């Protein structure tokens, strides 16, 4: 009688392959989620900087960095840094941050940085 020592090995290989594919898919989804959060933070920073620059130029009433914080909050982010640039005080730098979901929290928040101001040649 001949023994077949490899009976069932296809099942083991199939399960191993399925586990590896599931792990890779999960990693891909987490990377995609971090990328989406980074794009959201960049969008929030852009919009916040534009709104703050309008205030800094006197086109709207208010305080530039407070306006940036309000606009960033409306876009699901918070302002991590805001600075009105000297000497003209018409351009604004804004850094917006969005916390990543729990599996990615250790990486820190997703950040977006933006500068807005008048076009070249305008005050």
N, C-alpha and C. Protein backbone atom coordinates (compact mmCIF):
# COMPACT_ATOMS: atom_id res chain seq x y z
N UNK A 1 0.84 -1.18 0.00
CA UNK A 1 0.00 0.00 0.00
C UNK A 1 0.88 1.24 0.00
N UNK A 2 0.58 2.21 -0.87
CA UNK A 2 1.37 3.41 -1.03
C UNK A 2 0.68 4.56 -0.30
N UNK A 3 1.46 5.28 0.51
CA UNK A 3 0.90 6.44 1.23
C UNK A 3 1.04 7.69 0.36
N UNK A 4 0.02 8.53 0.42
CA UNK A 4 0.05 9.83 -0.27
C UNK A 4 0.20 10.90 0.78
N UNK A 5 1.43 11.33 1.01
CA UNK A 5 1.74 12.27 2.09
C UNK A 5 1.28 13.70 1.76
N UNK A 6 1.00 13.99 0.52
CA UNK A 6 0.61 15.35 0.18
C UNK A 6 -0.90 15.54 0.05
N UNK A 7 -1.68 14.57 0.52
CA UNK A 7 -3.13 14.72 0.47
C UNK A 7 -3.53 15.86 1.39
N UNK A 8 -4.33 16.79 0.89
CA UNK A 8 -4.79 17.94 1.67
C UNK A 8 -3.85 19.13 1.60
N UNK A 9 -2.71 19.00 0.96
CA UNK A 9 -1.78 20.12 0.90
C UNK A 9 -2.33 21.26 0.05
N UNK A 10 -3.15 20.97 -0.94
CA UNK A 10 -3.77 22.02 -1.76
C UNK A 10 -4.66 22.90 -0.91
N UNK A 11 -5.36 22.30 0.05
CA UNK A 11 -6.23 23.07 0.94
C UNK A 11 -5.40 24.02 1.79
N UNK A 12 -4.29 23.53 2.33
CA UNK A 12 -3.42 24.36 3.16
C UNK A 12 -2.83 25.50 2.34
N UNK A 13 -2.37 25.20 1.13
CA UNK A 13 -1.84 26.25 0.27
C UNK A 13 -2.92 27.26 -0.11
N UNK A 14 -4.10 26.79 -0.39
CA UNK A 14 -5.21 27.68 -0.73
C UNK A 14 -5.58 28.60 0.42
N UNK A 15 -5.64 28.06 1.64
CA UNK A 15 -5.95 28.89 2.81
C UNK A 15 -4.84 29.90 3.09
N UNK A 16 -3.61 29.49 2.91
CA UNK A 16 -2.48 30.41 3.11
C UNK A 16 -2.55 31.55 2.10
N UNK A 17 -2.80 31.22 0.85
CA UNK A 17 -2.92 32.24 -0.19
C UNK A 17 -4.07 33.19 0.11
N UNK A 18 -5.20 32.67 0.56
CA UNK A 18 -6.35 33.51 0.90
C UNK A 18 -6.01 34.45 2.06
N UNK A 19 -5.30 33.95 3.07
CA UNK A 19 -4.91 34.79 4.21
C UNK A 19 -3.96 35.90 3.78
N UNK A 20 -3.00 35.57 2.92
CA UNK A 20 -2.05 36.57 2.44
C UNK A 20 -2.78 37.63 1.62
N UNK A 21 -3.70 37.21 0.75
CA UNK A 21 -4.44 38.17 -0.07
C UNK A 21 -5.32 39.07 0.79
N UNK A 22 -5.96 38.52 1.82
CA UNK A 22 -6.78 39.33 2.72
C UNK A 22 -5.93 40.36 3.47
N UNK A 23 -4.75 39.95 3.91
CA UNK A 23 -3.85 40.87 4.60
C UNK A 23 -3.41 41.99 3.68
N UNK A 24 -3.05 41.67 2.44
CA UNK A 24 -2.65 42.70 1.48
C UNK A 24 -3.80 43.64 1.15
N UNK A 25 -5.00 43.11 1.03
CA UNK A 25 -6.16 43.93 0.75
C UNK A 25 -6.42 44.89 1.91
N UNK A 26 -6.32 44.41 3.12
CA UNK A 26 -6.51 45.26 4.30
C UNK A 26 -5.46 46.37 4.33
N UNK A 27 -4.21 46.03 4.05
CA UNK A 27 -3.15 47.05 4.03
C UNK A 27 -3.42 48.08 2.94
N UNK A 28 -3.87 47.64 1.78
CA UNK A 28 -4.19 48.55 0.69
C UNK A 28 -5.33 49.49 1.08
N UNK A 29 -6.35 48.97 1.73
CA UNK A 29 -7.47 49.80 2.17
C UNK A 29 -7.03 50.84 3.20
N UNK A 30 -6.14 50.46 4.11
CA UNK A 30 -5.65 51.42 5.10
C UNK A 30 -4.82 52.52 4.45
N UNK A 31 -4.00 52.16 3.49
CA UNK A 31 -3.21 53.17 2.77
C UNK A 31 -4.13 54.11 2.00
N UNK A 32 -5.15 53.56 1.37
CA UNK A 32 -6.11 54.39 0.63
C UNK A 32 -6.85 55.33 1.58
N UNK A 33 -7.21 54.84 2.76
CA UNK A 33 -7.91 55.66 3.74
C UNK A 33 -7.02 56.81 4.20
N UNK A 34 -5.74 56.55 4.41
CA UNK A 34 -4.80 57.60 4.79
C UNK A 34 -4.66 58.62 3.66
N UNK A 35 -4.62 58.16 2.43
CA UNK A 35 -4.53 59.06 1.28
C UNK A 35 -5.75 59.96 1.15
N UNK A 36 -6.91 59.40 1.38
CA UNK A 36 -8.14 60.20 1.32
C UNK A 36 -8.14 61.25 2.42
N UNK A 37 -7.71 60.89 3.61
CA UNK A 37 -7.65 61.85 4.71
C UNK A 37 -6.66 62.97 4.39
N UNK A 38 -5.55 62.65 3.75
CA UNK A 38 -4.57 63.66 3.38
C UNK A 38 -5.14 64.62 2.35
N UNK A 39 -5.89 64.11 1.39
CA UNK A 39 -6.53 64.98 0.40
C UNK A 39 -7.58 65.87 1.05
N UNK A 40 -8.33 65.32 1.99
CA UNK A 40 -9.32 66.13 2.71
C UNK A 40 -8.65 67.24 3.50
N UNK A 41 -7.53 66.92 4.15
CA UNK A 41 -6.79 67.93 4.92
C UNK A 41 -6.25 69.02 4.00
N UNK A 42 -5.75 68.63 2.83
CA UNK A 42 -5.23 69.61 1.87
C UNK A 42 -6.35 70.52 1.36
N UNK A 43 -7.51 69.94 1.10
CA UNK A 43 -8.65 70.74 0.64
C UNK A 43 -9.07 71.71 1.72
N UNK A 44 -9.14 71.25 2.96
CA UNK A 44 -9.52 72.12 4.06
C UNK A 44 -8.51 73.25 4.24
N UNK A 45 -7.21 72.94 4.11
CA UNK A 45 -6.18 73.97 4.24
C UNK A 45 -6.30 75.01 3.12
N UNK A 46 -6.56 74.55 1.90
CA UNK A 46 -6.73 75.47 0.76
C UNK A 46 -7.89 76.43 1.00
N UNK A 47 -9.03 75.88 1.37
CA UNK A 47 -10.21 76.71 1.57
C UNK A 47 -10.04 77.65 2.75
N UNK A 48 -9.42 77.16 3.83
CA UNK A 48 -9.20 77.99 5.01
C UNK A 48 -8.22 79.13 4.69
N UNK A 49 -7.16 78.84 3.94
CA UNK A 49 -6.20 79.88 3.58
C UNK A 49 -6.84 80.94 2.69
N UNK A 50 -7.66 80.52 1.74
CA UNK A 50 -8.34 81.48 0.87
C UNK A 50 -9.27 82.39 1.67
N UNK A 51 -10.04 81.82 2.59
CA UNK A 51 -10.95 82.62 3.41
C UNK A 51 -10.17 83.57 4.31
N UNK A 52 -9.08 83.09 4.90
CA UNK A 52 -8.27 83.93 5.79
C UNK A 52 -7.60 85.05 5.00
N UNK A 53 -7.16 84.77 3.79
CA UNK A 53 -6.53 85.81 2.96
C UNK A 53 -7.54 86.88 2.58
N UNK A 54 -8.77 86.51 2.33
CA UNK A 54 -9.81 87.51 2.05
C UNK A 54 -9.99 88.43 3.24
N UNK A 55 -9.98 87.87 4.43
CA UNK A 55 -10.10 88.69 5.65
C UNK A 55 -8.86 89.56 5.82
N UNK A 56 -7.69 88.99 5.59
CA UNK A 56 -6.45 89.75 5.76
C UNK A 56 -6.37 90.92 4.78
N UNK A 57 -6.91 90.77 3.61
CA UNK A 57 -6.91 91.84 2.59
C UNK A 57 -8.02 92.85 2.81
N UNK A 58 -8.91 92.59 3.76
CA UNK A 58 -10.00 93.51 4.03
C UNK A 58 -11.21 93.31 3.15
N UNK A 59 -11.25 92.20 2.43
CA UNK A 59 -12.40 91.92 1.57
C UNK A 59 -13.60 91.41 2.36
N UNK A 60 -13.33 90.89 3.57
CA UNK A 60 -14.39 90.40 4.47
C UNK A 60 -14.01 90.81 5.88
N UNK A 61 -15.00 91.02 6.74
CA UNK A 61 -14.68 91.40 8.12
C UNK A 61 -14.23 90.17 8.93
N UNK A 62 -13.45 90.42 9.97
CA UNK A 62 -13.07 89.34 10.87
C UNK A 62 -11.58 89.30 11.13
N UNK A 63 -11.16 88.21 11.78
CA UNK A 63 -9.76 87.97 12.10
C UNK A 63 -9.31 86.79 11.24
N UNK A 64 -8.22 86.94 10.49
CA UNK A 64 -7.84 85.91 9.51
C UNK A 64 -7.76 84.48 10.07
N UNK A 65 -7.05 84.27 11.15
CA UNK A 65 -6.88 82.89 11.65
C UNK A 65 -8.16 82.32 12.26
N UNK A 66 -9.01 83.20 12.78
CA UNK A 66 -10.31 82.72 13.27
C UNK A 66 -11.18 82.27 12.10
N UNK A 67 -11.11 83.01 11.02
CA UNK A 67 -11.86 82.62 9.81
C UNK A 67 -11.32 81.31 9.26
N UNK A 68 -9.99 81.15 9.28
CA UNK A 68 -9.39 79.90 8.82
C UNK A 68 -9.86 78.73 9.67
N UNK A 69 -9.91 78.91 10.99
CA UNK A 69 -10.37 77.84 11.88
C UNK A 69 -11.83 77.49 11.63
N UNK A 70 -12.65 78.49 11.37
CA UNK A 70 -14.07 78.25 11.09
C UNK A 70 -14.25 77.44 9.81
N UNK A 71 -13.56 77.86 8.75
CA UNK A 71 -13.69 77.18 7.45
C UNK A 71 -13.12 75.76 7.53
N UNK A 72 -11.99 75.60 8.19
CA UNK A 72 -11.41 74.26 8.34
C UNK A 72 -12.36 73.35 9.11
N UNK A 73 -12.97 73.88 10.17
CA UNK A 73 -13.93 73.09 10.95
C UNK A 73 -15.12 72.65 10.12
N UNK A 74 -15.59 73.53 9.24
CA UNK A 74 -16.71 73.18 8.37
C UNK A 74 -16.34 72.07 7.39
N UNK A 75 -15.04 71.88 7.17
CA UNK A 75 -14.56 70.84 6.25
C UNK A 75 -13.98 69.65 6.99
N UNK A 76 -14.30 69.51 8.27
CA UNK A 76 -13.89 68.33 9.03
C UNK A 76 -12.45 68.32 9.47
N UNK A 77 -11.82 69.48 9.51
CA UNK A 77 -10.41 69.55 9.92
C UNK A 77 -10.27 70.59 11.02
N UNK A 78 -9.09 70.66 11.59
CA UNK A 78 -8.80 71.74 12.53
C UNK A 78 -7.48 72.38 12.11
N UNK A 79 -7.36 73.66 12.43
CA UNK A 79 -6.16 74.39 12.06
C UNK A 79 -5.05 74.04 13.05
N UNK A 80 -3.96 73.51 12.53
CA UNK A 80 -2.80 73.19 13.36
C UNK A 80 -1.86 74.39 13.45
N UNK A 81 -1.83 75.22 12.41
CA UNK A 81 -1.00 76.43 12.42
C UNK A 81 -1.61 77.43 11.45
N UNK A 82 -1.49 78.70 11.81
CA UNK A 82 -1.98 79.78 10.97
C UNK A 82 -1.08 80.98 11.20
N UNK A 83 -0.65 81.60 10.11
CA UNK A 83 0.21 82.77 10.23
C UNK A 83 -0.08 83.75 9.11
N UNK A 84 -0.26 85.01 9.50
CA UNK A 84 -0.39 86.09 8.53
C UNK A 84 1.03 86.55 8.22
N UNK A 85 1.39 86.56 6.94
CA UNK A 85 2.77 86.82 6.54
C UNK A 85 3.09 88.30 6.52
N UNK A 86 4.24 88.63 7.04
CA UNK A 86 4.75 90.01 7.06
C UNK A 86 5.49 90.28 5.76
N UNK A 87 5.72 91.45 5.32
CA UNK A 87 5.34 92.72 5.93
C UNK A 87 3.98 93.23 5.45
N UNK A 88 3.46 92.70 4.32
CA UNK A 88 2.21 93.23 3.78
C UNK A 88 0.99 92.82 4.60
N UNK A 89 1.06 91.66 5.25
CA UNK A 89 -0.05 91.12 6.04
C UNK A 89 -1.30 90.89 5.18
N UNK A 90 -1.09 90.45 3.93
CA UNK A 90 -2.22 90.13 3.06
C UNK A 90 -2.21 88.67 2.63
N UNK A 91 -1.14 87.95 2.95
CA UNK A 91 -1.05 86.51 2.64
C UNK A 91 -1.09 85.72 3.94
N UNK A 92 -1.64 84.50 3.84
CA UNK A 92 -1.81 83.67 5.03
C UNK A 92 -1.34 82.25 4.74
N UNK A 93 -0.58 81.69 5.68
CA UNK A 93 -0.20 80.27 5.65
C UNK A 93 -1.09 79.52 6.62
N UNK A 94 -1.66 78.41 6.17
CA UNK A 94 -2.53 77.59 7.03
C UNK A 94 -2.10 76.13 6.93
N UNK A 95 -2.03 75.47 8.08
CA UNK A 95 -1.83 74.03 8.14
C UNK A 95 -3.08 73.43 8.78
N UNK A 96 -3.75 72.54 8.07
CA UNK A 96 -4.95 71.87 8.59
C UNK A 96 -4.62 70.41 8.87
N UNK A 97 -5.27 69.87 9.88
CA UNK A 97 -5.03 68.48 10.28
C UNK A 97 -6.34 67.74 10.46
N UNK A 98 -6.33 66.45 10.07
CA UNK A 98 -7.46 65.55 10.26
C UNK A 98 -6.91 64.29 10.92
N UNK A 99 -7.52 63.88 12.02
CA UNK A 99 -7.08 62.66 12.71
C UNK A 99 -7.39 61.44 11.85
N UNK A 100 -6.45 60.53 11.79
CA UNK A 100 -6.65 59.29 11.05
C UNK A 100 -7.47 58.32 11.90
N UNK A 101 -8.16 57.37 11.28
CA UNK A 101 -8.96 56.40 12.03
C UNK A 101 -8.08 55.49 12.89
N UNK A 102 -8.66 54.81 13.88
CA UNK A 102 -7.91 54.05 14.88
C UNK A 102 -6.78 53.14 14.40
N UNK A 103 -6.88 52.37 13.37
CA UNK A 103 -5.71 51.54 13.06
C UNK A 103 -4.49 52.37 12.63
N UNK A 104 -4.74 53.60 12.18
CA UNK A 104 -3.66 54.44 11.67
C UNK A 104 -3.31 55.60 12.59
N UNK A 105 -3.91 55.65 13.77
CA UNK A 105 -3.70 56.77 14.69
C UNK A 105 -2.24 56.96 15.05
N UNK A 106 -1.49 55.90 15.14
CA UNK A 106 -0.07 55.99 15.52
C UNK A 106 0.75 56.78 14.50
N UNK A 107 0.27 56.91 13.28
CA UNK A 107 0.99 57.66 12.25
C UNK A 107 0.85 59.17 12.43
N UNK A 108 -0.05 59.59 13.30
CA UNK A 108 -0.31 61.01 13.48
C UNK A 108 -1.38 61.48 12.52
N UNK A 109 -1.77 62.74 12.63
CA UNK A 109 -2.84 63.24 11.77
C UNK A 109 -2.40 63.46 10.34
N UNK A 110 -3.37 63.42 9.44
CA UNK A 110 -3.12 63.80 8.05
C UNK A 110 -3.08 65.32 8.01
N UNK A 111 -2.11 65.87 7.29
CA UNK A 111 -1.92 67.32 7.26
C UNK A 111 -1.98 67.86 5.84
N UNK A 112 -2.48 69.07 5.75
CA UNK A 112 -2.48 69.81 4.50
C UNK A 112 -1.96 71.21 4.77
N UNK A 113 -1.14 71.72 3.88
CA UNK A 113 -0.53 73.04 4.04
C UNK A 113 -0.88 73.89 2.83
N UNK A 114 -1.23 75.15 3.08
CA UNK A 114 -1.59 76.02 1.97
C UNK A 114 -1.23 77.47 2.28
N UNK A 115 -0.93 78.21 1.24
CA UNK A 115 -0.68 79.66 1.35
C UNK A 115 -1.59 80.34 0.35
N UNK A 116 -2.23 81.41 0.80
CA UNK A 116 -3.10 82.19 -0.09
C UNK A 116 -2.85 83.66 0.13
N UNK A 117 -3.03 84.43 -0.91
CA UNK A 117 -2.85 85.87 -0.85
C UNK A 117 -3.24 86.49 -2.16
N UNK A 118 -2.94 87.75 -2.31
CA UNK A 118 -3.32 88.43 -3.56
C UNK A 118 -2.45 87.95 -4.71
N UNK A 119 -2.94 88.10 -5.92
CA UNK A 119 -2.12 87.76 -7.09
C UNK A 119 -0.88 88.65 -7.13
N UNK A 120 0.17 88.22 -7.81
CA UNK A 120 1.37 89.05 -7.91
C UNK A 120 1.05 90.42 -8.51
N UNK A 121 1.60 91.44 -7.89
CA UNK A 121 1.38 92.81 -8.39
C UNK A 121 0.21 93.53 -7.76
N UNK A 122 -0.62 92.81 -6.99
CA UNK A 122 -1.75 93.45 -6.30
C UNK A 122 -1.41 93.58 -4.84
N UNK A 123 -1.95 94.62 -4.18
CA UNK A 123 -1.68 94.78 -2.73
C UNK A 123 -2.47 93.83 -1.88
